[in-house]
Amino acid sequence: WTIEPSHLVQVPVAKDIQAFLGFMQFPDAAQFGNPAIL
């Protein structure tokens, strides 16, 4: 009856602060002028 990991919360695990900040992504500045973005 043990619950498998697929049935538990799955938060991305970072080894340290540097790895945690690595999870962040940033916008592509070159795309701000793209009409499709607007």
Full PDB file with SEQRES, HELIX, SHEET, SSBOND, CRYST1, ORIGX, SCALE, CONECT and MASTER records, all heavy atoms in Angstrom:
SEQRES   1 A   38  TRP THR ILE GLU PRO SER HIS LEU VAL GLN VAL PRO VAL          
SEQRES   2 A   38  ALA LYS ASP ILE GLN ALA PHE LEU GLY PHE MET GLN PHE          
SEQRES   3 A   38  PRO ASP ALA ALA GLN PHE GLY ASN PRO ALA ILE LEU              
HELIX    1 AA1 PRO A    5  HIS A    7  5                                   3    
HELIX    2 AA2 ILE A   17  GLY A   22  1                                   6    
HELIX    3 AA3 ALA A   29  GLY A   33  5                                   5    
CRYST1    1.000    1.000    1.000  90.00  90.00  90.00 P 1           1          
ORIGX1      1.000000  0.000000  0.000000        0.00000                         
ORIGX2      0.000000  1.000000  0.000000        0.00000                         
ORIGX3      0.000000  0.000000  1.000000        0.00000                         
SCALE1      1.000000  0.000000  0.000000        0.00000                         
SCALE2      0.000000  1.000000  0.000000        0.00000                         
SCALE3      0.000000  0.000000  1.000000        0.00000                         
ATOM      1  N   TRP A   1       0.815  -1.216   0.000  1.00  0.00           N  
ATOM      2  CA  TRP A   1       0.000   0.000   0.000  1.00  0.00           C  
ATOM      3  C   TRP A   1       0.851   1.269   0.000  1.00  0.00           C  
ATOM      4  O   TRP A   1       0.331   2.380  -0.026  1.00  0.00           O  
ATOM      5  CB  TRP A   1      -0.922   0.015   1.223  1.00  0.00           C  
ATOM      6  CG  TRP A   1      -2.109  -0.904   1.083  1.00  0.00           C  
ATOM      7  CD1 TRP A   1      -2.203  -2.006   0.306  1.00  0.00           C  
ATOM      8  CD2 TRP A   1      -3.357  -0.774   1.753  1.00  0.00           C  
ATOM      9  NE1 TRP A   1      -3.425  -2.598   0.427  1.00  0.00           N  
ATOM     10  CE2 TRP A   1      -4.172  -1.848   1.333  1.00  0.00           C  
ATOM     11  CE3 TRP A   1      -3.883   0.108   2.679  1.00  0.00           C  
ATOM     12  CZ2 TRP A   1      -5.468  -2.047   1.792  1.00  0.00           C  
ATOM     13  CZ3 TRP A   1      -5.173  -0.073   3.140  1.00  0.00           C  
ATOM     14  CH2 TRP A   1      -5.963  -1.145   2.693  1.00  0.00           C  
ATOM     15  N   THR A   2       2.163   1.122   0.049  1.00  0.00           N  
ATOM     16  CA  THR A   2       3.039   2.289   0.050  1.00  0.00           C  
ATOM     17  C   THR A   2       2.788   3.152  -1.190  1.00  0.00           C  
ATOM     18  O   THR A   2       2.662   2.630  -2.310  1.00  0.00           O  
ATOM     19  CB  THR A   2       4.513   1.853   0.060  1.00  0.00           C  
ATOM     20  OG1 THR A   2       4.746   1.054   1.221  1.00  0.00           O  
ATOM     21  CG2 THR A   2       5.443   3.066   0.067  1.00  0.00           C  
ATOM     22  N   ILE A   3       2.727   4.452  -0.971  1.00  0.00           N  
ATOM     23  CA  ILE A   3       2.420   5.371  -2.072  1.00  0.00           C  
ATOM     24  C   ILE A   3       3.693   5.653  -2.869  1.00  0.00           C  
ATOM     25  O   ILE A   3       4.718   6.064  -2.312  1.00  0.00           O  
ATOM     26  CB  ILE A   3       1.827   6.689  -1.525  1.00  0.00           C  
ATOM     27  CG1 ILE A   3       0.555   6.407  -0.725  1.00  0.00           C  
ATOM     28  CG2 ILE A   3       1.539   7.670  -2.651  1.00  0.00           C  
ATOM     29  CD1 ILE A   3      -0.035   7.628  -0.061  1.00  0.00           C  
ATOM     30  N   GLU A   4       3.609   5.443  -4.173  1.00  0.00           N  
ATOM     31  CA  GLU A   4       4.756   5.649  -5.050  1.00  0.00           C  
ATOM     32  C   GLU A   4       5.001   7.150  -5.257  1.00  0.00           C  
ATOM     33  O   GLU A   4       4.090   7.965  -5.097  1.00  0.00           O  
ATOM     34  CB  GLU A   4       4.498   4.979  -6.407  1.00  0.00           C  
ATOM     35  CG  GLU A   4       4.312   3.476  -6.326  1.00  0.00           C  
ATOM     36  CD  GLU A   4       5.561   2.777  -5.803  1.00  0.00           C  
ATOM     37  OE1 GLU A   4       6.676   3.262  -6.119  1.00  0.00           O  
ATOM     38  OE2 GLU A   4       5.419   1.770  -5.070  1.00  0.00           O  
ATOM     39  N   PRO A   5       6.224   7.540  -5.629  1.00  0.00           N  
ATOM     40  CA  PRO A   5       6.559   8.968  -5.835  1.00  0.00           C  
ATOM     41  C   PRO A   5       5.642   9.670  -6.833  1.00  0.00           C  
ATOM     42  O   PRO A   5       5.419  10.875  -6.727  1.00  0.00           O  
ATOM     43  CB  PRO A   5       8.006   8.916  -6.348  1.00  0.00           C  
ATOM     44  CG  PRO A   5       8.557   7.662  -5.743  1.00  0.00           C  
ATOM     45  CD  PRO A   5       7.417   6.676  -5.732  1.00  0.00           C  
ATOM     46  N   SER A   6       5.108   8.921  -7.799  1.00  0.00           N  
ATOM     47  CA  SER A   6       4.235   9.553  -8.800  1.00  0.00           C  
ATOM     48  C   SER A   6       2.926  10.043  -8.191  1.00  0.00           C  
ATOM     49  O   SER A   6       2.198  10.823  -8.809  1.00  0.00           O  
ATOM     50  CB  SER A   6       3.935   8.570  -9.935  1.00  0.00           C  
ATOM     51  OG  SER A   6       3.261   7.416  -9.436  1.00  0.00           O  
ATOM     52  N   HIS A   7       2.615   9.572  -6.976  1.00  0.00           N  
ATOM     53  CA  HIS A   7       1.389   9.998  -6.306  1.00  0.00           C  
ATOM     54  C   HIS A   7       1.669  10.970  -5.166  1.00  0.00           C  
ATOM     55  O   HIS A   7       0.817  11.198  -4.310  1.00  0.00           O  
ATOM     56  CB  HIS A   7       0.636   8.781  -5.762  1.00  0.00           C  
ATOM     57  CG  HIS A   7       0.283   7.774  -6.816  1.00  0.00           C  
ATOM     58  ND1 HIS A   7      -0.534   8.067  -7.871  1.00  0.00           N  
ATOM     59  CD2 HIS A   7       0.671   6.476  -6.987  1.00  0.00           C  
ATOM     60  CE1 HIS A   7      -0.673   7.002  -8.640  1.00  0.00           C  
ATOM     61  NE2 HIS A   7       0.062   6.018  -8.132  1.00  0.00           N  
ATOM     62  N   LEU A   8       2.902  11.497  -5.160  1.00  0.00           N  
ATOM     63  CA  LEU A   8       3.297  12.487  -4.163  1.00  0.00           C  
ATOM     64  C   LEU A   8       3.595  13.809  -4.853  1.00  0.00           C  
ATOM     65  O   LEU A   8       3.730  13.885  -6.083  1.00  0.00           O  
ATOM     66  CB  LEU A   8       4.554  12.009  -3.409  1.00  0.00           C  
ATOM     67  CG  LEU A   8       4.470  10.650  -2.696  1.00  0.00           C  
ATOM     68  CD1 LEU A   8       5.840  10.275  -2.145  1.00  0.00           C  
ATOM     69  CD2 LEU A   8       3.430  10.685  -1.585  1.00  0.00           C  
ATOM     70  N   VAL A   9       3.662  14.887  -4.067  1.00  0.00           N  
ATOM     71  CA  VAL A   9       4.062  16.188  -4.602  1.00  0.00           C  
ATOM     72  C   VAL A   9       5.469  16.070  -5.183  1.00  0.00           C  
ATOM     73  O   VAL A   9       6.323  15.361  -4.632  1.00  0.00           O  
ATOM     74  CB  VAL A   9       4.032  17.250  -3.475  1.00  0.00           C  
ATOM     75  CG1 VAL A   9       4.650  18.559  -3.949  1.00  0.00           C  
ATOM     76  CG2 VAL A   9       2.603  17.478  -3.000  1.00  0.00           C  
ATOM     77  N   GLN A  10       5.700  16.744  -6.296  1.00  0.00           N  
ATOM     78  CA  GLN A  10       7.004  16.640  -6.971  1.00  0.00           C  
ATOM     79  C   GLN A  10       7.574  18.040  -7.214  1.00  0.00           C  
ATOM     80  O   GLN A  10       7.437  18.622  -8.288  1.00  0.00           O  
ATOM     81  CB  GLN A  10       6.864  15.875  -8.285  1.00  0.00           C  
ATOM     82  CG  GLN A  10       6.438  14.424  -8.086  1.00  0.00           C  
ATOM     83  CD  GLN A  10       6.270  13.671  -9.394  1.00  0.00           C  
ATOM     84  OE1 GLN A  10       6.159  14.274 -10.461  1.00  0.00           O  
ATOM     85  NE2 GLN A  10       6.258  12.353  -9.321  1.00  0.00           N  
ATOM     86  N   VAL A  11       8.218  18.580  -6.189  1.00  0.00           N  
ATOM     87  CA  VAL A  11       8.858  19.891  -6.286  1.00  0.00           C  
ATOM     88  C   VAL A  11      10.271  19.707  -6.822  1.00  0.00           C  
ATOM     89  O   VAL A  11      11.009  18.834  -6.340  1.00  0.00           O  
ATOM     90  CB  VAL A  11       8.910  20.579  -4.897  1.00  0.00           C  
ATOM     91  CG1 VAL A  11       9.645  21.909  -4.983  1.00  0.00           C  
ATOM     92  CG2 VAL A  11       7.509  20.775  -4.356  1.00  0.00           C  
ATOM     93  N   PRO A  12      10.677  20.500  -7.811  1.00  0.00           N  
ATOM     94  CA  PRO A  12      12.065  20.414  -8.286  1.00  0.00           C  
ATOM     95  C   PRO A  12      13.039  20.662  -7.130  1.00  0.00           C  
ATOM     96  O   PRO A  12      12.870  21.607  -6.355  1.00  0.00           O  
ATOM     97  CB  PRO A  12      12.156  21.537  -9.332  1.00  0.00           C  
ATOM     98  CG  PRO A  12      10.738  21.742  -9.778  1.00  0.00           C  
ATOM     99  CD  PRO A  12       9.889  21.480  -8.574  1.00  0.00           C  
ATOM    100  N   VAL A  13      14.041  19.803  -6.999  1.00  0.00           N  
ATOM    101  CA  VAL A  13      14.992  19.882  -5.880  1.00  0.00           C  
ATOM    102  C   VAL A  13      16.306  20.467  -6.374  1.00  0.00           C  
ATOM    103  O   VAL A  13      16.911  19.966  -7.331  1.00  0.00           O  
ATOM    104  CB  VAL A  13      15.228  18.492  -5.249  1.00  0.00           C  
ATOM    105  CG1 VAL A  13      16.247  18.591  -4.114  1.00  0.00           C  
ATOM    106  CG2 VAL A  13      13.910  17.908  -4.747  1.00  0.00           C  
ATOM    107  N   ALA A  14      16.733  21.549  -5.695  1.00  0.00           N  
ATOM    108  CA  ALA A  14      18.017  22.170  -6.028  1.00  0.00           C  
ATOM    109  C   ALA A  14      19.037  21.818  -4.950  1.00  0.00           C  
ATOM    110  O   ALA A  14      18.725  21.815  -3.765  1.00  0.00           O  
ATOM    111  CB  ALA A  14      17.854  23.677  -6.126  1.00  0.00           C  
ATOM    112  N   LYS A  15      20.276  21.537  -5.361  1.00  0.00           N  
ATOM    113  CA  LYS A  15      21.317  21.160  -4.403  1.00  0.00           C  
ATOM    114  C   LYS A  15      21.754  22.353  -3.551  1.00  0.00           C  
ATOM    115  O   LYS A  15      22.148  22.199  -2.403  1.00  0.00           O  
ATOM    116  CB  LYS A  15      22.515  20.573  -5.133  1.00  0.00           C  
ATOM    117  CG  LYS A  15      22.209  19.278  -5.878  1.00  0.00           C  
ATOM    118  CD  LYS A  15      23.434  18.766  -6.611  1.00  0.00           C  
ATOM    119  CE  LYS A  15      23.124  17.474  -7.364  1.00  0.00           C  
ATOM    120  NZ  LYS A  15      24.312  16.971  -8.110  1.00  0.00           N  
ATOM    121  N   ASP A  16      21.717  23.551  -4.164  1.00  0.00           N  
ATOM    122  CA  ASP A  16      22.135  24.751  -3.444  1.00  0.00           C  
ATOM    123  C   ASP A  16      21.428  25.960  -4.048  1.00  0.00           C  
ATOM    124  O   ASP A  16      20.641  25.836  -4.989  1.00  0.00           O  
ATOM    125  CB  ASP A  16      23.649  24.926  -3.502  1.00  0.00           C  
ATOM    126  CG  ASP A  16      24.192  24.817  -4.931  1.00  0.00           C  
ATOM    127  OD1 ASP A  16      23.484  25.278  -5.867  1.00  0.00           O  
ATOM    128  OD2 ASP A  16      25.295  24.283  -5.114  1.00  0.00           O  
ATOM    129  N   ILE A  17      21.744  27.145  -3.505  1.00  0.00           N  
ATOM    130  CA  ILE A  17      21.108  28.377  -3.980  1.00  0.00           C  
ATOM    131  C   ILE A  17      21.421  28.616  -5.445  1.00  0.00           C  
ATOM    132  O   ILE A  17      20.546  29.045  -6.221  1.00  0.00           O  
ATOM    133  CB  ILE A  17      21.574  29.589  -3.137  1.00  0.00           C  
ATOM    134  CG1 ILE A  17      21.022  29.482  -1.713  1.00  0.00           C  
ATOM    135  CG2 ILE A  17      21.101  30.898  -3.770  1.00  0.00           C  
ATOM    136  CD1 ILE A  17      19.532  29.611  -1.625  1.00  0.00           C  
ATOM    137  N   GLN A  18      22.634  28.311  -5.841  1.00  0.00           N  
ATOM    138  CA  GLN A  18      23.022  28.523  -7.235  1.00  0.00           C  
ATOM    139  C   GLN A  18      22.155  27.672  -8.158  1.00  0.00           C  
ATOM    140  O   GLN A  18      21.680  28.143  -9.194  1.00  0.00           O  
ATOM    141  CB  GLN A  18      24.508  28.175  -7.420  1.00  0.00           C  
ATOM    142  CG  GLN A  18      25.107  28.635  -8.747  1.00  0.00           C  
ATOM    143  CD  GLN A  18      25.200  30.150  -8.839  1.00  0.00           C  
ATOM    144  OE1 GLN A  18      25.337  30.830  -7.825  1.00  0.00           O  
ATOM    145  NE2 GLN A  18      25.128  30.673 -10.043  1.00  0.00           N  
ATOM    146  N   ALA A  19      21.939  26.428  -7.759  1.00  0.00           N  
ATOM    147  CA  ALA A  19      21.094  25.546  -8.568  1.00  0.00           C  
ATOM    148  C   ALA A  19      19.647  26.026  -8.551  1.00  0.00           C  
ATOM    149  O   ALA A  19      18.930  25.936  -9.560  1.00  0.00           O  
ATOM    150  CB  ALA A  19      21.193  24.123  -8.036  1.00  0.00           C  
ATOM    151  N   PHE A  20      19.222  26.553  -7.399  1.00  0.00           N  
ATOM    152  CA  PHE A  20      17.856  27.070  -7.291  1.00  0.00           C  
ATOM    153  C   PHE A  20      17.646  28.236  -8.261  1.00  0.00           C  
ATOM    154  O   PHE A  20      16.657  28.289  -8.990  1.00  0.00           O  
ATOM    155  CB  PHE A  20      17.591  27.517  -5.850  1.00  0.00           C  
ATOM    156  CG  PHE A  20      16.239  28.154  -5.659  1.00  0.00           C  
ATOM    157  CD1 PHE A  20      15.106  27.374  -5.493  1.00  0.00           C  
ATOM    158  CD2 PHE A  20      16.097  29.531  -5.644  1.00  0.00           C  
ATOM    159  CE1 PHE A  20      13.859  27.961  -5.322  1.00  0.00           C  
ATOM    160  CE2 PHE A  20      14.858  30.123  -5.477  1.00  0.00           C  
ATOM    161  CZ  PHE A  20      13.736  29.332  -5.312  1.00  0.00           C  
ATOM    162  N   LEU A  21      18.628  29.158  -8.261  1.00  0.00           N  
ATOM    163  CA  LEU A  21      18.514  30.298  -9.180  1.00  0.00           C  
ATOM    164  C   LEU A  21      18.584  29.844 -10.631  1.00  0.00           C  
ATOM    165  O   LEU A  21      18.056  30.508 -11.524  1.00  0.00           O  
ATOM    166  CB  LEU A  21      19.630  31.307  -8.886  1.00  0.00           C  
ATOM    167  CG  LEU A  21      19.560  31.997  -7.508  1.00  0.00           C  
ATOM    168  CD1 LEU A  21      20.773  32.902  -7.299  1.00  0.00           C  
ATOM    169  CD2 LEU A  21      18.267  32.804  -7.391  1.00  0.00           C  
ATOM    170  N   GLY A  22      19.217  28.700 -10.853  1.00  0.00           N  
ATOM    171  CA  GLY A  22      19.303  28.174 -12.210  1.00  0.00           C  
ATOM    172  C   GLY A  22      17.970  27.715 -12.761  1.00  0.00           C  
ATOM    173  O   GLY A  22      17.805  27.568 -13.970  1.00  0.00           O  
ATOM    174  N   PHE A  23      17.004  27.463 -11.855  1.00  0.00           N  
ATOM    175  CA  PHE A  23      15.662  27.081 -12.313  1.00  0.00           C  
ATOM    176  C   PHE A  23      14.946  28.257 -13.000  1.00  0.00           C  
ATOM    177  O   PHE A  23      14.003  28.062 -13.759  1.00  0.00           O  
ATOM    178  CB  PHE A  23      14.805  26.608 -11.135  1.00  0.00           C  
ATOM    179  CG  PHE A  23      15.182  25.243 -10.632  1.00  0.00           C  
ATOM    180  CD1 PHE A  23      15.157  24.966  -9.269  1.00  0.00           C  
ATOM    181  CD2 PHE A  23      15.563  24.230 -11.497  1.00  0.00           C  
ATOM    182  CE1 PHE A  23      15.486  23.713  -8.787  1.00  0.00           C  
ATOM    183  CE2 PHE A  23      15.906  22.973 -11.031  1.00  0.00           C  
ATOM    184  CZ  PHE A  23      15.871  22.711  -9.670  1.00  0.00           C  
ATOM    185  N   MET A  24      15.376  29.468 -12.686  1.00  0.00           N  
ATOM    186  CA  MET A  24      14.714  30.644 -13.255  1.00  0.00           C  
ATOM    187  C   MET A  24      15.066  30.806 -14.724  1.00  0.00           C  
ATOM    188  O   MET A  24      16.186  30.524 -15.146  1.00  0.00           O  
ATOM    189  CB  MET A  24      15.128  31.907 -12.496  1.00  0.00           C  
ATOM    190  CG  MET A  24      14.624  31.980 -11.066  1.00  0.00           C  
ATOM    191  SD  MET A  24      15.050  33.566 -10.305  1.00  0.00           S  
ATOM    192  CE  MET A  24      14.337  33.351  -8.677  1.00  0.00           C  
ATOM    193  N   GLN A  25      14.123  31.275 -15.488  1.00  0.00           N  
ATOM    194  CA  GLN A  25      14.351  31.582 -16.895  1.00  0.00           C  
ATOM    195  C   GLN A  25      13.951  33.027 -17.134  1.00  0.00           C  
ATOM    196  O   GLN A  25      13.108  33.583 -16.418  1.00  0.00           O  
ATOM    197  CB  GLN A  25      13.541  30.642 -17.795  1.00  0.00           C  
ATOM    198  CG  GLN A  25      13.924  29.173 -17.618  1.00  0.00           C  
ATOM    199  CD  GLN A  25      13.255  28.282 -18.647  1.00  0.00           C  
ATOM    200  OE1 GLN A  25      13.285  28.574 -19.835  1.00  0.00           O  
ATOM    201  NE2 GLN A  25      12.684  27.168 -18.185  1.00  0.00           N  
ATOM    202  N   PHE A  26      14.526  33.632 -18.159  1.00  0.00           N  
ATOM    203  CA  PHE A  26      14.321  35.060 -18.388  1.00  0.00           C  
ATOM    204  C   PHE A  26      13.822  35.299 -19.806  1.00  0.00           C  
ATOM    205  O   PHE A  26      14.085  34.502 -20.719  1.00  0.00           O  
ATOM    206  CB  PHE A  26      15.623  35.818 -18.132  1.00  0.00           C  
ATOM    207  CG  PHE A  26      16.170  35.573 -16.749  1.00  0.00           C  
ATOM    208  CD1 PHE A  26      17.179  34.622 -16.544  1.00  0.00           C  
ATOM    209  CD2 PHE A  26      15.657  36.248 -15.655  1.00  0.00           C  
ATOM    210  CE1 PHE A  26      17.668  34.372 -15.273  1.00  0.00           C  
ATOM    211  CE2 PHE A  26      16.148  35.999 -14.381  1.00  0.00           C  
ATOM    212  CZ  PHE A  26      17.144  35.069 -14.185  1.00  0.00           C  
ATOM    213  N   PRO A  27      13.088  36.383 -20.010  1.00  0.00           N  
ATOM    214  CA  PRO A  27      12.513  36.625 -21.340  1.00  0.00           C  
ATOM    215  C   PRO A  27      13.581  36.926 -22.387  1.00  0.00           C  
ATOM    216  O   PRO A  27      14.660  37.443 -22.065  1.00  0.00           O  
ATOM    217  CB  PRO A  27      11.612  37.845 -21.103  1.00  0.00           C  
ATOM    218  CG  PRO A  27      12.183  38.525 -19.909  1.00  0.00           C  
ATOM    219  CD  PRO A  27      12.734  37.431 -19.047  1.00  0.00           C  
ATOM    220  N   ASP A  28      13.268  36.591 -23.578  1.00  0.00           N  
ATOM    221  CA  ASP A  28      14.147  36.875 -24.715  1.00  0.00           C  
ATOM    222  C   ASP A  28      13.949  38.340 -25.097  1.00  0.00           C  
ATOM    223  O   ASP A  28      12.931  38.714 -25.683  1.00  0.00           O  
ATOM    224  CB  ASP A  28      13.795  35.952 -25.879  1.00  0.00           C  
ATOM    225  CG  ASP A  28      14.724  36.137 -27.073  1.00  0.00           C  
ATOM    226  OD1 ASP A  28      15.540  37.072 -27.043  1.00  0.00           O  
ATOM    227  OD2 ASP A  28      14.612  35.352 -28.029  1.00  0.00           O  
ATOM    228  N   ALA A  29      14.920  39.193 -24.734  1.00  0.00           N  
ATOM    229  CA  ALA A  29      14.778  40.638 -24.952  1.00  0.00           C  
ATOM    230  C   ALA A  29      14.587  40.978 -26.425  1.00  0.00           C  
ATOM    231  O   ALA A  29      13.923  41.969 -26.768  1.00  0.00           O  
ATOM    232  CB  ALA A  29      16.002  41.366 -24.392  1.00  0.00           C  
ATOM    233  N   ALA A  30      15.117  40.149 -27.303  1.00  0.00           N  
ATOM    234  CA  ALA A  30      15.005  40.430 -28.739  1.00  0.00           C  
ATOM    235  C   ALA A  30      13.575  40.293 -29.239  1.00  0.00           C  
ATOM    236  O   ALA A  30      13.236  40.792 -30.316  1.00  0.00           O  
ATOM    237  CB  ALA A  30      15.927  39.493 -29.514  1.00  0.00           C  
ATOM    238  N   GLN A  31      12.734  39.629 -28.453  1.00  0.00           N  
ATOM    239  CA  GLN A  31      11.365  39.374 -28.895  1.00  0.00           C  
ATOM    240  C   GLN A  31      10.386  40.515 -28.564  1.00  0.00           C  
ATOM    241  O   GLN A  31       9.256  40.507 -29.025  1.00  0.00           O  
ATOM    242  CB  GLN A  31      10.847  38.085 -28.233  1.00  0.00           C  
ATOM    243  CG  GLN A  31      11.576  36.832 -28.671  1.00  0.00           C  
ATOM    244  CD  GLN A  31      11.280  36.490 -30.115  1.00  0.00           C  
ATOM    245  OE1 GLN A  31      10.190  36.734 -30.622  1.00  0.00           O  
ATOM    246  NE2 GLN A  31      12.268  35.929 -30.805  1.00  0.00           N  
ATOM    247  N   PHE A  32      10.831  41.492 -27.774  1.00  0.00           N  
ATOM    248  CA  PHE A  32       9.900  42.543 -27.356  1.00  0.00           C  
ATOM    249  C   PHE A  32       9.367  43.368 -28.529  1.00  0.00           C  
ATOM    250  O   PHE A  32       8.291  43.955 -28.459  1.00  0.00           O  
ATOM    251  CB  PHE A  32      10.552  43.462 -26.322  1.00  0.00           C  
ATOM    252  CG  PHE A  32      10.537  42.886 -24.927  1.00  0.00           C  
ATOM    253  CD1 PHE A  32      11.716  42.439 -24.341  1.00  0.00           C  
ATOM    254  CD2 PHE A  32       9.352  42.769 -24.226  1.00  0.00           C  
ATOM    255  CE1 PHE A  32      11.715  41.895 -23.067  1.00  0.00           C  
ATOM    256  CE2 PHE A  32       9.346  42.223 -22.946  1.00  0.00           C  
ATOM    257  CZ  PHE A  32      10.521  41.785 -22.361  1.00  0.00           C  
ATOM    258  N   GLY A  33      10.097  43.424 -29.603  1.00  0.00           N  
ATOM    259  CA  GLY A  33       9.638  44.173 -30.772  1.00  0.00           C  
ATOM    260  C   GLY A  33       8.827  43.340 -31.744  1.00  0.00           C  
ATOM    261  O   GLY A  33       8.354  43.851 -32.770  1.00  0.00           O  
ATOM    262  N   ASN A  34       8.639  42.073 -31.446  1.00  0.00           N  
ATOM    263  CA  ASN A  34       7.914  41.166 -32.331  1.00  0.00           C  
ATOM    264  C   ASN A  34       6.402  41.420 -32.220  1.00  0.00           C  
ATOM    265  O   ASN A  34       5.835  41.358 -31.123  1.00  0.00           O  
ATOM    266  CB  ASN A  34       8.245  39.727 -31.933  1.00  0.00           C  
ATOM    267  CG  ASN A  34       7.621  38.703 -32.871  1.00  0.00           C  
ATOM    268  OD1 ASN A  34       6.789  39.030 -33.712  1.00  0.00           O  
ATOM    269  ND2 ASN A  34       8.033  37.452 -32.720  1.00  0.00           N  
ATOM    270  N   PRO A  35       5.719  41.727 -33.355  1.00  0.00           N  
ATOM    271  CA  PRO A  35       4.268  41.968 -33.287  1.00  0.00           C  
ATOM    272  C   PRO A  35       3.498  40.788 -32.698  1.00  0.00           C  
ATOM    273  O   PRO A  35       2.451  40.981 -32.061  1.00  0.00           O  
ATOM    274  CB  PRO A  35       3.884  42.192 -34.760  1.00  0.00           C  
ATOM    275  CG  PRO A  35       5.141  42.647 -35.418  1.00  0.00           C  
ATOM    276  CD  PRO A  35       6.247  41.920 -34.715  1.00  0.00           C  
ATOM    277  N   ALA A  36       4.011  39.579 -32.874  1.00  0.00           N  
ATOM    278  CA  ALA A  36       3.336  38.398 -32.330  1.00  0.00           C  
ATOM    279  C   ALA A  36       3.320  38.434 -30.801  1.00  0.00           C  
ATOM    280  O   ALA A  36       2.388  37.939 -30.158  1.00  0.00           O  
ATOM    281  CB  ALA A  36       4.012  37.122 -32.820  1.00  0.00           C  
ATOM    282  N   ILE A  37       4.376  39.029 -30.219  1.00  0.00           N  
ATOM    283  CA  ILE A  37       4.442  39.156 -28.762  1.00  0.00           C  
ATOM    284  C   ILE A  37       3.319  40.067 -28.269  1.00  0.00           C  
ATOM    285  O   ILE A  37       2.645  39.776 -27.273  1.00  0.00           O  
ATOM    286  CB  ILE A  37       5.813  39.712 -28.326  1.00  0.00           C  
ATOM    287  CG1 ILE A  37       6.924  38.714 -28.662  1.00  0.00           C  
ATOM    288  CG2 ILE A  37       5.817  40.042 -26.835  1.00  0.00           C  
ATOM    289  CD1 ILE A  37       6.825  37.416 -27.914  1.00  0.00           C  
ATOM    290  N   LEU A  38       3.119  41.190 -28.963  1.00  0.00           N  
ATOM    291  CA  LEU A  38       2.058  42.128 -28.569  1.00  0.00           C  
ATOM    292  C   LEU A  38       0.685  41.474 -28.684  1.00  0.00           C  
ATOM    293  O   LEU A  38      -0.167  41.624 -27.797  1.00  0.00           O  
ATOM    294  CB  LEU A  38       2.120  43.384 -29.441  1.00  0.00           C  
ATOM    295  CG  LEU A  38       1.054  44.445 -29.134  1.00  0.00           C  
ATOM    296  CD1 LEU A  38       1.167  44.932 -27.697  1.00  0.00           C  
ATOM    297  CD2 LEU A  38       1.167  45.613 -30.114  1.00  0.00           C  
TER     298      LEU A  38                                                      
MASTER        0    0    0    3    0    0    0    6  297    1    0    3          
END                                                                             
